[in-house]
Amino acid sequence: MGRAWIKVERSMNIKYRQLQAFVLAARLGSFAKAAAELHITQSSFSVLIRQLEEDVGIALFERTTRSCRLTSPGQVFYRDITPILKDLKEAYGRISDVGSGVAGQLQLSALPSLAFGLLTEVLASFRARYPGMRVFMREELNVAVIDAVKRGEVELGIGSELNGDPELEFKPLFRDHLVVVAPIGHEILAEPLTWKRLESYPLIMLAHGSADRALRLNRAELVPTIEVAYMGTAVSMVRSGLGLTIIPSSGLKGVNMSDLRSVALPGRACRRTIGVLHRKRATLSPMALAFMELLSQAAPLDRGIRRLAA
């Protein structure tokens, strides 16, 4: 009859401090010197080694009154554990750097009107304070911003107010509204602005822009003369005399408004609340919290953007 082999599983309870003590003793060949390196008494150091040997179930050192030497199993363990301990120390250092802002990354999703205006200023302050951080920012329409946050693809979203989504938290920052951009002295500016009056002028509109919903709700019969993808392009065309454009006031900070003027549009869906989105159950990183604080401080008070009352 063959011999039955039974494998006994040991519960591993090894601590980093024990491994650190083991490697130091093996390297220095002395418990006394290793204890001094760790700034502990020799008796406390001996306890660490004894606990480690009890956990692995084998003697790791041959001890004399003045020195110590690795046993054969101790030599094997030393070869195996030294690179692991080095990797562990480096991993601990990296995660500590992330927590302190020395290193790490922050992933954001934001409306285009905010990405090239307000957020550019905030990111400059953020990078100056945390130069080791990498920032990944996606520019998307509001629906995509919300989806990216809900799916956990980004930590923070900067977009417009939610309609009671139970999965997300929304922190309001300021109010944004649609404005018409026209050359200074243009006749559209001579009288109070209405959607009806805009029908008489060529319009440069953003494809899938912020004005779409307002156009529907205000029943404006506006047919764009030119459609473009970027606000900067639309504003540049206004300066060249190709027509007027409608953009969100939050985008004014990122475009060249020399020789131009903006006027707020009246009517439904012309105002929106801009804020920061994040998942309700998510624990925000220190860097996300720091970015939110900078964003709340930088929300501008000029050019049609009004900070919400606290």
C-alpha atoms as a PDB file:
ATOM      1  CA  MET A   1       0.000   0.000   0.000  1.00  0.00           C
ATOM      2  CA  GLY A   2       1.436   3.409  -0.979  1.00  0.00           C
ATOM      3  CA  ARG A   3       2.144   6.111   1.570  1.00  0.00           C
ATOM      4  CA  ALA A   4      -0.560   8.738   1.931  1.00  0.00           C
ATOM      5  CA  TRP A   5       0.800  12.292   1.767  1.00  0.00           C
ATOM      6  CA  ILE A   6      -1.019  15.039   3.612  1.00  0.00           C
ATOM      7  CA  LYS A   7      -0.189  18.647   2.786  1.00  0.00           C
ATOM      8  CA  VAL A   8      -0.513  20.985   5.751  1.00  0.00           C
ATOM      9  CA  GLU A   9      -1.389  24.570   4.820  1.00  0.00           C
ATOM     10  CA  ARG A  10       0.137  27.200   7.088  1.00  0.00           C
ATOM     11  CA  SER A  11      -1.639  30.457   7.643  1.00  0.00           C
ATOM     12  CA  MET A  12       0.750  33.213   6.612  1.00  0.00           C
ATOM     13  CA  ASN A  13       1.005  36.102   9.049  1.00  0.00           C
ATOM     14  CA  ILE A  14       4.328  37.597   7.967  1.00  0.00           C
ATOM     15  CA  LYS A  15       4.735  41.318   8.593  1.00  0.00           C
ATOM     16  CA  TYR A  16       6.832  43.799   6.641  1.00  0.00           C
ATOM     17  CA  ARG A  17       8.827  44.667   9.763  1.00  0.00           C
ATOM     18  CA  GLN A  18       9.825  41.015  10.223  1.00  0.00           C
ATOM     19  CA  LEU A  19      11.033  40.730   6.644  1.00  0.00           C
ATOM     20  CA  GLN A  20      12.940  43.994   6.970  1.00  0.00           C
ATOM     21  CA  ALA A  21      14.640  42.662  10.118  1.00  0.00           C
ATOM     22  CA  PHE A  22      15.481  39.359   8.411  1.00  0.00           C
ATOM     23  CA  VAL A  23      17.114  41.007   5.391  1.00  0.00           C
ATOM     24  CA  LEU A  24      19.124  43.413   7.573  1.00  0.00           C
ATOM     25  CA  ALA A  25      20.393  40.616   9.830  1.00  0.00           C
ATOM     26  CA  ALA A  26      21.368  38.504   6.818  1.00  0.00           C
ATOM     27  CA  ARG A  27      23.184  41.423   5.228  1.00  0.00           C
ATOM     28  CA  LEU A  28      24.957  42.660   8.374  1.00  0.00           C
ATOM     29  CA  GLY A  29      25.608  39.267   9.965  1.00  0.00           C
ATOM     30  CA  SER A  30      24.645  40.580  13.398  1.00  0.00           C
ATOM     31  CA  PHE A  31      21.393  41.001  15.316  1.00  0.00           C
ATOM     32  CA  ALA A  32      22.918  43.865  17.295  1.00  0.00           C
ATOM     33  CA  LYS A  33      23.896  45.845  14.191  1.00  0.00           C
ATOM     34  CA  ALA A  34      20.553  45.145  12.505  1.00  0.00           C
ATOM     35  CA  ALA A  35      18.653  46.204  15.648  1.00  0.00           C
ATOM     36  CA  ALA A  36      20.626  49.451  15.732  1.00  0.00           C
ATOM     37  CA  GLU A  37      19.760  50.038  12.055  1.00  0.00           C
ATOM     38  CA  LEU A  38      16.047  49.712  12.889  1.00  0.00           C
ATOM     39  CA  HIS A  39      16.422  51.809  16.058  1.00  0.00           C
ATOM     40  CA  ILE A  40      15.050  49.086  18.322  1.00  0.00           C
ATOM     41  CA  THR A  41      16.530  47.018  21.166  1.00  0.00           C
ATOM     42  CA  GLN A  42      18.254  43.739  20.422  1.00  0.00           C
ATOM     43  CA  SER A  43      15.644  41.833  22.438  1.00  0.00           C
ATOM     44  CA  SER A  44      12.818  43.385  20.347  1.00  0.00           C
ATOM     45  CA  PHE A  45      14.742  42.498  17.203  1.00  0.00           C
ATOM     46  CA  SER A  46      15.117  38.882  18.366  1.00  0.00           C
ATOM     47  CA  VAL A  47      11.350  38.695  18.870  1.00  0.00           C
ATOM     48  CA  LEU A  48      10.790  39.773  15.237  1.00  0.00           C
ATOM     49  CA  ILE A  49      13.100  37.038  13.941  1.00  0.00           C
ATOM     50  CA  ARG A  50      11.598  34.403  16.254  1.00  0.00           C
ATOM     51  CA  GLN A  51       8.051  35.274  15.098  1.00  0.00           C
ATOM     52  CA  LEU A  52       9.148  35.022  11.464  1.00  0.00           C
ATOM     53  CA  GLU A  53      10.787  31.627  12.025  1.00  0.00           C
ATOM     54  CA  GLU A  54       7.673  30.370  13.819  1.00  0.00           C
ATOM     55  CA  ASP A  55       5.529  31.489  10.926  1.00  0.00           C
ATOM     56  CA  VAL A  56       7.647  29.804   8.225  1.00  0.00           C
ATOM     57  CA  GLY A  57       8.250  26.774  10.460  1.00  0.00           C
ATOM     58  CA  ILE A  58      12.021  26.595  10.090  1.00  0.00           C
ATOM     59  CA  ALA A  59      15.179  28.116  11.523  1.00  0.00           C
ATOM     60  CA  LEU A  60      16.578  30.855   9.309  1.00  0.00           C
ATOM     61  CA  PHE A  61      19.716  31.720  11.265  1.00  0.00           C
ATOM     62  CA  GLU A  62      22.539  29.986  13.120  1.00  0.00           C
ATOM     63  CA  ARG A  63      23.285  32.262  16.049  1.00  0.00           C
ATOM     64  CA  THR A  64      26.403  32.848  18.125  1.00  0.00           C
ATOM     65  CA  THR A  65      26.936  35.385  20.875  1.00  0.00           C
ATOM     66  CA  ARG A  66      28.354  37.961  18.474  1.00  0.00           C
ATOM     67  CA  SER A  67      27.112  37.060  15.006  1.00  0.00           C
ATOM     68  CA  CYS A  68      24.492  35.237  12.975  1.00  0.00           C
ATOM     69  CA  ARG A  69      24.670  33.224   9.776  1.00  0.00           C
ATOM     70  CA  LEU A  70      21.934  32.095   7.434  1.00  0.00           C
ATOM     71  CA  THR A  71      20.985  28.432   7.417  1.00  0.00           C
ATOM     72  CA  SER A  72      20.555  26.715   4.039  1.00  0.00           C
ATOM     73  CA  PRO A  73      16.780  27.346   4.056  1.00  0.00           C
ATOM     74  CA  GLY A  74      17.551  30.902   5.212  1.00  0.00           C
ATOM     75  CA  GLN A  75      19.779  31.446   2.183  1.00  0.00           C
ATOM     76  CA  VAL A  76      16.980  30.317  -0.149  1.00  0.00           C
ATOM     77  CA  PHE A  77      14.491  32.562   1.636  1.00  0.00           C
ATOM     78  CA  TYR A  78      16.897  35.522   1.464  1.00  0.00           C
ATOM     79  CA  ARG A  79      17.327  35.126  -2.315  1.00  0.00           C
ATOM     80  CA  ASP A  80      13.565  34.930  -2.790  1.00  0.00           C
ATOM     81  CA  ILE A  81      12.453  37.656  -0.395  1.00  0.00           C
ATOM     82  CA  THR A  82      15.050  40.379  -1.123  1.00  0.00           C
ATOM     83  CA  PRO A  83      13.655  41.455  -4.537  1.00  0.00           C
ATOM     84  CA  ILE A  84      10.081  41.103  -3.238  1.00  0.00           C
ATOM     85  CA  LEU A  85      10.854  43.363  -0.287  1.00  0.00           C
ATOM     86  CA  LYS A  86      12.440  45.897  -2.648  1.00  0.00           C
ATOM     87  CA  ASP A  87       9.347  45.853  -4.891  1.00  0.00           C
ATOM     88  CA  LEU A  88       7.084  46.212  -1.844  1.00  0.00           C
ATOM     89  CA  LYS A  89       9.054  49.207  -0.602  1.00  0.00           C
ATOM     90  CA  GLU A  90       8.874  50.865  -4.025  1.00  0.00           C
ATOM     91  CA  ALA A  91       5.132  50.161  -4.322  1.00  0.00           C
ATOM     92  CA  TYR A  92       4.564  51.694  -0.894  1.00  0.00           C
ATOM     93  CA  GLY A  93       6.567  54.742  -1.926  1.00  0.00           C
ATOM     94  CA  ARG A  94       4.569  55.112  -5.139  1.00  0.00           C
ATOM     95  CA  ILE A  95       1.182  54.924  -3.402  1.00  0.00           C
ATOM     96  CA  SER A  96       2.410  57.384  -0.763  1.00  0.00           C
ATOM     97  CA  ASP A  97       3.392  59.751  -3.580  1.00  0.00           C
ATOM     98  CA  VAL A  98      -0.083  59.420  -5.072  1.00  0.00           C
ATOM     99  CA  GLY A  99      -1.687  60.268  -1.747  1.00  0.00           C
ATOM    100  CA  SER A 100       0.502  63.325  -1.282  1.00  0.00           C
ATOM    101  CA  GLY A 101       0.138  64.515  -4.886  1.00  0.00           C
ATOM    102  CA  VAL A 102       3.771  63.922  -5.801  1.00  0.00           C
ATOM    103  CA  ALA A 103       2.663  61.404  -8.449  1.00  0.00           C
ATOM    104  CA  GLY A 104      -0.475  59.771  -9.834  1.00  0.00           C
ATOM    105  CA  GLN A 105      -3.203  60.650 -12.295  1.00  0.00           C
ATOM    106  CA  LEU A 106      -6.581  62.353 -12.437  1.00  0.00           C
ATOM    107  CA  GLN A 107      -9.170  61.499 -15.089  1.00  0.00           C
ATOM    108  CA  LEU A 108     -11.794  64.068 -16.062  1.00  0.00           C
ATOM    109  CA  SER A 109     -14.620  64.519 -18.544  1.00  0.00           C
ATOM    110  CA  ALA A 110     -15.825  68.033 -19.328  1.00  0.00           C
ATOM    111  CA  LEU A 111     -18.010  70.080 -21.629  1.00  0.00           C
ATOM    112  CA  PRO A 112     -15.978  71.594 -24.490  1.00  0.00           C
ATOM    113  CA  SER A 113     -16.983  75.142 -23.499  1.00  0.00           C
ATOM    114  CA  LEU A 114     -15.349  74.575 -20.110  1.00  0.00           C
ATOM    115  CA  ALA A 115     -12.357  72.544 -21.301  1.00  0.00           C
ATOM    116  CA  PHE A 116     -10.697  75.323 -23.301  1.00  0.00           C
ATOM    117  CA  GLY A 117     -11.764  78.164 -21.016  1.00  0.00           C
ATOM    118  CA  LEU A 118     -12.262  77.873 -17.277  1.00  0.00           C
ATOM    119  CA  LEU A 119     -10.652  74.438 -16.905  1.00  0.00           C
ATOM    120  CA  THR A 120      -7.489  75.574 -18.658  1.00  0.00           C
ATOM    121  CA  GLU A 121      -6.942  78.129 -15.873  1.00  0.00           C
ATOM    122  CA  VAL A 122      -7.768  75.600 -13.161  1.00  0.00           C
ATOM    123  CA  LEU A 123      -5.441  72.989 -14.652  1.00  0.00           C
ATOM    124  CA  ALA A 124      -2.604  75.534 -14.717  1.00  0.00           C
ATOM    125  CA  SER A 125      -3.040  76.110 -10.965  1.00  0.00           C
ATOM    126  CA  PHE A 126      -3.422  72.379 -10.311  1.00  0.00           C
ATOM    127  CA  ARG A 127      -0.251  71.475 -12.225  1.00  0.00           C
ATOM    128  CA  ALA A 128       1.704  74.223 -10.462  1.00  0.00           C
ATOM    129  CA  ARG A 129       0.665  72.792  -7.105  1.00  0.00           C
ATOM    130  CA  TYR A 130       1.006  69.101  -8.072  1.00  0.00           C
ATOM    131  CA  PRO A 131       3.617  68.916 -10.858  1.00  0.00           C
ATOM    132  CA  GLY A 132       3.962  65.128 -10.611  1.00  0.00           C
ATOM    133  CA  MET A 133       0.301  64.487 -11.437  1.00  0.00           C
ATOM    134  CA  ARG A 134      -0.844  63.420 -14.902  1.00  0.00           C
ATOM    135  CA  VAL A 135      -4.257  64.672 -16.019  1.00  0.00           C
ATOM    136  CA  PHE A 136      -6.398  62.957 -18.665  1.00  0.00           C
ATOM    137  CA  MET A 137      -9.312  65.141 -19.794  1.00  0.00           C
ATOM    138  CA  ARG A 138     -12.008  64.146 -22.269  1.00  0.00           C
ATOM    139  CA  GLU A 139     -14.097  66.834 -24.004  1.00  0.00           C
ATOM    140  CA  GLU A 140     -17.654  65.567 -24.474  1.00  0.00           C
ATOM    141  CA  LEU A 141     -21.289  66.545 -24.646  1.00  0.00           C
ATOM    142  CA  ASN A 142     -23.168  66.496 -21.354  1.00  0.00           C
ATOM    143  CA  VAL A 143     -24.761  63.065 -21.909  1.00  0.00           C
ATOM    144  CA  ALA A 144     -21.314  61.558 -22.526  1.00  0.00           C
ATOM    145  CA  VAL A 145     -19.890  63.331 -19.455  1.00  0.00           C
ATOM    146  CA  ILE A 146     -22.584  61.773 -17.276  1.00  0.00           C
ATOM    147  CA  ASP A 147     -22.100  58.305 -18.794  1.00  0.00           C
ATOM    148  CA  ALA A 148     -18.328  58.439 -18.342  1.00  0.00           C
ATOM    149  CA  VAL A 149     -18.732  59.235 -14.635  1.00  0.00           C
ATOM    150  CA  LYS A 150     -21.393  56.560 -14.093  1.00  0.00           C
ATOM    151  CA  ARG A 151     -19.266  53.886 -15.784  1.00  0.00           C
ATOM    152  CA  GLY A 152     -16.262  54.832 -13.664  1.00  0.00           C
ATOM    153  CA  GLU A 153     -14.176  55.770 -16.709  1.00  0.00           C
ATOM    154  CA  VAL A 154     -13.383  59.148 -15.124  1.00  0.00           C
ATOM    155  CA  GLU A 155     -13.346  60.250 -11.502  1.00  0.00           C
ATOM    156  CA  LEU A 156     -14.919  63.665 -12.058  1.00  0.00           C
ATOM    157  CA  GLY A 157     -17.197  65.167 -14.677  1.00  0.00           C
ATOM    158  CA  ILE A 158     -17.748  68.887 -15.208  1.00  0.00           C
ATOM    159  CA  GLY A 159     -21.087  69.451 -16.846  1.00  0.00           C
ATOM    160  CA  SER A 160     -24.618  70.742 -16.427  1.00  0.00           C
ATOM    161  CA  GLU A 161     -27.116  69.945 -13.713  1.00  0.00           C
ATOM    162  CA  LEU A 162     -28.643  66.473 -13.428  1.00  0.00           C
ATOM    163  CA  ASN A 163     -32.293  65.550 -13.234  1.00  0.00           C
ATOM    164  CA  GLY A 164     -32.140  63.549 -10.013  1.00  0.00           C
ATOM    165  CA  ASP A 165     -29.850  60.690 -11.068  1.00  0.00           C
ATOM    166  CA  PRO A 166     -29.629  58.454  -7.958  1.00  0.00           C
ATOM    167  CA  GLU A 167     -26.118  57.204  -8.814  1.00  0.00           C
ATOM    168  CA  LEU A 168     -24.441  60.601  -9.041  1.00  0.00           C
ATOM    169  CA  GLU A 169     -23.653  63.546  -6.803  1.00  0.00           C
ATOM    170  CA  PHE A 170     -23.762  67.057  -8.296  1.00  0.00           C
ATOM    171  CA  LYS A 171     -21.968  70.035  -6.739  1.00  0.00           C
ATOM    172  CA  PRO A 172     -23.143  73.287  -8.372  1.00  0.00           C
ATOM    173  CA  LEU A 173     -20.522  75.919  -9.186  1.00  0.00           C
ATOM    174  CA  PHE A 174     -22.058  78.672 -11.320  1.00  0.00           C
ATOM    175  CA  ARG A 175     -24.816  79.531 -13.790  1.00  0.00           C
ATOM    176  CA  ASP A 176     -24.130  79.581 -17.492  1.00  0.00           C
ATOM    177  CA  HIS A 177     -26.353  80.967 -20.252  1.00  0.00           C
ATOM    178  CA  LEU A 178     -26.516  81.156 -24.009  1.00  0.00           C
ATOM    179  CA  VAL A 179     -25.209  84.332 -25.604  1.00  0.00           C
ATOM    180  CA  VAL A 180     -25.181  85.750 -29.092  1.00  0.00           C
ATOM    181  CA  VAL A 181     -21.740  86.909 -30.236  1.00  0.00           C
ATOM    182  CA  ALA A 182     -21.720  89.804 -32.713  1.00  0.00           C
ATOM    183  CA  PRO A 183     -19.244  92.443 -33.902  1.00  0.00           C
ATOM    184  CA  ILE A 184     -19.275  95.638 -31.849  1.00  0.00           C
ATOM    185  CA  GLY A 185     -21.724  98.077 -33.459  1.00  0.00           C
ATOM    186  CA  HIS A 186     -23.757  95.357 -35.214  1.00  0.00           C
ATOM    187  CA  GLU A 187     -27.405  96.311 -35.670  1.00  0.00           C
ATOM    188  CA  ILE A 188     -28.602  93.231 -33.747  1.00  0.00           C
ATOM    189  CA  LEU A 189     -27.252  94.960 -30.635  1.00  0.00           C
ATOM    190  CA  ALA A 190     -29.234  98.165 -31.163  1.00  0.00           C
ATOM    191  CA  GLU A 191     -32.494  96.736 -29.756  1.00  0.00           C
ATOM    192  CA  PRO A 192     -33.463  94.114 -27.140  1.00  0.00           C
ATOM    193  CA  LEU A 193     -32.466  90.677 -28.362  1.00  0.00           C
ATOM    194  CA  THR A 194     -35.106  88.083 -29.290  1.00  0.00           C
ATOM    195  CA  TRP A 195     -35.034  84.717 -31.050  1.00  0.00           C
ATOM    196  CA  LYS A 196     -37.278  86.148 -33.766  1.00  0.00           C
ATOM    197  CA  ARG A 197     -34.810  88.912 -34.615  1.00  0.00           C
ATOM    198  CA  LEU A 198     -32.043  86.342 -35.127  1.00  0.00           C
ATOM    199  CA  GLU A 199     -33.950  84.857 -38.060  1.00  0.00           C
ATOM    200  CA  SER A 200     -32.959  87.883 -40.164  1.00  0.00           C
ATOM    201  CA  TYR A 201     -29.195  87.278 -39.932  1.00  0.00           C
ATOM    202  CA  PRO A 202     -26.785  84.593 -41.125  1.00  0.00           C
ATOM    203  CA  LEU A 203     -25.859  82.264 -38.294  1.00  0.00           C
ATOM    204  CA  ILE A 204     -22.756  80.220 -37.589  1.00  0.00           C
ATOM    205  CA  MET A 205     -23.871  77.327 -35.385  1.00  0.00           C
ATOM    206  CA  LEU A 206     -22.089  74.577 -33.529  1.00  0.00           C
ATOM    207  CA  ALA A 207     -22.984  71.075 -34.661  1.00  0.00           C
ATOM    208  CA  HIS A 208     -24.634  69.328 -31.694  1.00  0.00           C
ATOM    209  CA  GLY A 209     -24.102  72.419 -29.568  1.00  0.00           C
ATOM    210  CA  SER A 210     -25.602  73.769 -26.360  1.00  0.00           C
ATOM    211  CA  ALA A 211     -28.261  75.745 -28.246  1.00  0.00           C
ATOM    212  CA  ASP A 212     -30.090  72.732 -29.716  1.00  0.00           C
ATOM    213  CA  ARG A 213     -32.565  72.290 -26.861  1.00  0.00           C
ATOM    214  CA  ALA A 214     -33.184  76.043 -26.568  1.00  0.00           C
ATOM    215  CA  LEU A 215     -33.909  76.232 -30.298  1.00  0.00           C
ATOM    216  CA  ARG A 216     -36.597  73.557 -29.964  1.00  0.00           C
ATOM    217  CA  LEU A 217     -38.219  74.915 -26.812  1.00  0.00           C
ATOM    218  CA  ASN A 218     -38.300  78.501 -28.061  1.00  0.00           C
ATOM    219  CA  ARG A 219     -39.609  77.362 -31.470  1.00  0.00           C
ATOM    220  CA  ALA A 220     -36.947  79.366 -33.216  1.00  0.00           C
ATOM    221  CA  GLU A 221     -36.890  78.858 -36.971  1.00  0.00           C
ATOM    222  CA  LEU A 222     -33.188  79.366 -37.396  1.00  0.00           C
ATOM    223  CA  VAL A 223     -31.316  77.732 -40.256  1.00  0.00           C
ATOM    224  CA  PRO A 224     -27.537  77.992 -39.895  1.00  0.00           C
ATOM    225  CA  THR A 225     -25.584  79.398 -42.784  1.00  0.00           C
ATOM    226  CA  ILE A 226     -22.452  77.601 -41.584  1.00  0.00           C
ATOM    227  CA  GLU A 227     -22.014  74.718 -39.118  1.00  0.00           C
ATOM    228  CA  VAL A 228     -18.691  74.190 -37.342  1.00  0.00           C
ATOM    229  CA  ALA A 229     -17.342  71.899 -34.633  1.00  0.00           C
ATOM    230  CA  TYR A 230     -15.454  74.370 -32.433  1.00  0.00           C
ATOM    231  CA  MET A 231     -16.407  77.583 -30.653  1.00  0.00           C
ATOM    232  CA  GLY A 232     -13.133  79.249 -31.508  1.00  0.00           C
ATOM    233  CA  THR A 233     -13.872  78.703 -35.202  1.00  0.00           C
ATOM    234  CA  ALA A 234     -17.385  80.124 -34.879  1.00  0.00           C
ATOM    235  CA  VAL A 235     -16.169  83.249 -33.067  1.00  0.00           C
ATOM    236  CA  SER A 236     -13.375  83.778 -35.591  1.00  0.00           C
ATOM    237  CA  MET A 237     -15.950  83.640 -38.393  1.00  0.00           C
ATOM    238  CA  VAL A 238     -18.070  86.236 -36.598  1.00  0.00           C
ATOM    239  CA  ARG A 239     -15.029  88.525 -36.478  1.00  0.00           C
ATOM    240  CA  SER A 240     -14.590  88.021 -40.220  1.00  0.00           C
ATOM    241  CA  GLY A 241     -18.163  89.192 -40.859  1.00  0.00           C
ATOM    242  CA  LEU A 242     -19.645  85.833 -41.854  1.00  0.00           C
ATOM    243  CA  GLY A 243     -22.550  86.069 -39.409  1.00  0.00           C
ATOM    244  CA  LEU A 244     -23.514  85.760 -35.741  1.00  0.00           C
ATOM    245  CA  THR A 245     -23.081  82.788 -33.441  1.00  0.00           C
ATOM    246  CA  ILE A 246     -24.692  81.369 -30.296  1.00  0.00           C
ATOM    247  CA  ILE A 247     -22.429  79.850 -27.657  1.00  0.00           C
ATOM    248  CA  PRO A 248     -22.554  79.225 -23.894  1.00  0.00           C
ATOM    249  CA  SER A 249     -21.169  82.090 -21.820  1.00  0.00           C
ATOM    250  CA  SER A 250     -18.725  79.722 -20.113  1.00  0.00           C
ATOM    251  CA  GLY A 251     -16.875  79.465 -23.433  1.00  0.00           C
ATOM    252  CA  LEU A 252     -16.155  83.197 -23.615  1.00  0.00           C
ATOM    253  CA  LYS A 253     -13.060  82.876 -21.459  1.00  0.00           C
ATOM    254  CA  GLY A 254     -11.392  80.624 -24.021  1.00  0.00           C
ATOM    255  CA  VAL A 255     -11.996  82.675 -27.190  1.00  0.00           C
ATOM    256  CA  ASN A 256     -10.671  85.962 -28.544  1.00  0.00           C
ATOM    257  CA  MET A 257     -13.461  88.506 -28.022  1.00  0.00           C
ATOM    258  CA  SER A 258     -11.589  91.562 -29.306  1.00  0.00           C
ATOM    259  CA  ASP A 259     -13.904  93.748 -31.437  1.00  0.00           C
ATOM    260  CA  LEU A 260     -16.825  91.506 -30.446  1.00  0.00           C
ATOM    261  CA  ARG A 261     -19.632  91.689 -27.921  1.00  0.00           C
ATOM    262  CA  SER A 262     -21.839  89.042 -26.327  1.00  0.00           C
ATOM    263  CA  VAL A 263     -25.481  89.467 -25.302  1.00  0.00           C
ATOM    264  CA  ALA A 264     -27.550  87.011 -23.280  1.00  0.00           C
ATOM    265  CA  LEU A 265     -30.433  85.284 -25.056  1.00  0.00           C
ATOM    266  CA  PRO A 266     -33.843  85.322 -23.349  1.00  0.00           C
ATOM    267  CA  GLY A 267     -36.230  82.398 -23.269  1.00  0.00           C
ATOM    268  CA  ARG A 268     -36.514  78.788 -22.181  1.00  0.00           C
ATOM    269  CA  ALA A 269     -33.496  76.518 -21.637  1.00  0.00           C
ATOM    270  CA  CYS A 270     -31.123  79.447 -22.097  1.00  0.00           C
ATOM    271  CA  ARG A 271     -29.660  79.032 -18.625  1.00  0.00           C
ATOM    272  CA  ARG A 272     -28.076  76.030 -16.992  1.00  0.00           C
ATOM    273  CA  THR A 273     -26.262  75.263 -13.770  1.00  0.00           C
ATOM    274  CA  ILE A 274     -22.682  74.044 -14.209  1.00  0.00           C
ATOM    275  CA  GLY A 275     -21.074  71.845 -11.589  1.00  0.00           C
ATOM    276  CA  VAL A 276     -18.955  68.826 -10.722  1.00  0.00           C
ATOM    277  CA  LEU A 277     -20.271  65.262 -11.006  1.00  0.00           C
ATOM    278  CA  HIS A 278     -19.019  62.161  -9.248  1.00  0.00           C
ATOM    279  CA  ARG A 279     -20.401  58.789  -8.224  1.00  0.00           C
ATOM    280  CA  LYS A 280     -22.201  58.870  -4.881  1.00  0.00           C
ATOM    281  CA  ARG A 281     -20.606  55.721  -3.498  1.00  0.00           C
ATOM    282  CA  ALA A 282     -17.111  56.458  -4.742  1.00  0.00           C
ATOM    283  CA  THR A 283     -14.386  57.599  -2.354  1.00  0.00           C
ATOM    284  CA  LEU A 284     -12.746  60.513  -4.120  1.00  0.00           C
ATOM    285  CA  SER A 285      -8.965  60.630  -4.254  1.00  0.00           C
ATOM    286  CA  PRO A 286      -7.158  63.492  -2.470  1.00  0.00           C
ATOM    287  CA  MET A 287      -6.264  64.881  -5.891  1.00  0.00           C
ATOM    288  CA  ALA A 288      -9.884  64.892  -7.054  1.00  0.00           C
ATOM    289  CA  LEU A 289     -10.868  66.780  -3.906  1.00  0.00           C
ATOM    290  CA  ALA A 290      -8.027  69.244  -4.438  1.00  0.00           C
ATOM    291  CA  PHE A 291      -9.097  69.804  -8.050  1.00  0.00           C
ATOM    292  CA  MET A 292     -12.712  70.399  -6.973  1.00  0.00           C
ATOM    293  CA  GLU A 293     -11.547  72.992  -4.455  1.00  0.00           C
ATOM    294  CA  LEU A 294      -9.486  74.836  -7.058  1.00  0.00           C
ATOM    295  CA  LEU A 295     -12.392  74.710  -9.513  1.00  0.00           C
ATOM    296  CA  SER A 296     -14.789  76.158  -6.964  1.00  0.00           C
ATOM    297  CA  GLN A 297     -12.350  79.009  -6.242  1.00  0.00           C
ATOM    298  CA  ALA A 298     -11.753  79.763  -9.921  1.00  0.00           C
ATOM    299  CA  ALA A 299     -15.378  79.814 -11.124  1.00  0.00           C
ATOM    300  CA  PRO A 300     -15.396  83.301 -12.681  1.00  0.00           C
ATOM    301  CA  LEU A 301     -17.774  86.126 -11.868  1.00  0.00           C
ATOM    302  CA  ASP A 302     -17.466  87.963 -15.175  1.00  0.00           C
ATOM    303  CA  ARG A 303     -18.592  87.512 -18.809  1.00  0.00           C
ATOM    304  CA  GLY A 304     -22.025  86.179 -18.051  1.00  0.00           C
ATOM    305  CA  ILE A 305     -21.009  83.565 -15.515  1.00  0.00           C
ATOM    306  CA  ARG A 306     -22.495  84.096 -12.065  1.00  0.00           C
ATOM    307  CA  ARG A 307     -21.406  82.055  -9.080  1.00  0.00           C
ATOM    308  CA  LEU A 308     -24.222  80.340  -7.207  1.00  0.00           C
ATOM    309  CA  ALA A 309     -24.896  81.448  -3.665  1.00  0.00           C
ATOM    310  CA  ALA A 310     -23.314  79.118  -1.144  1.00  0.00           C
END
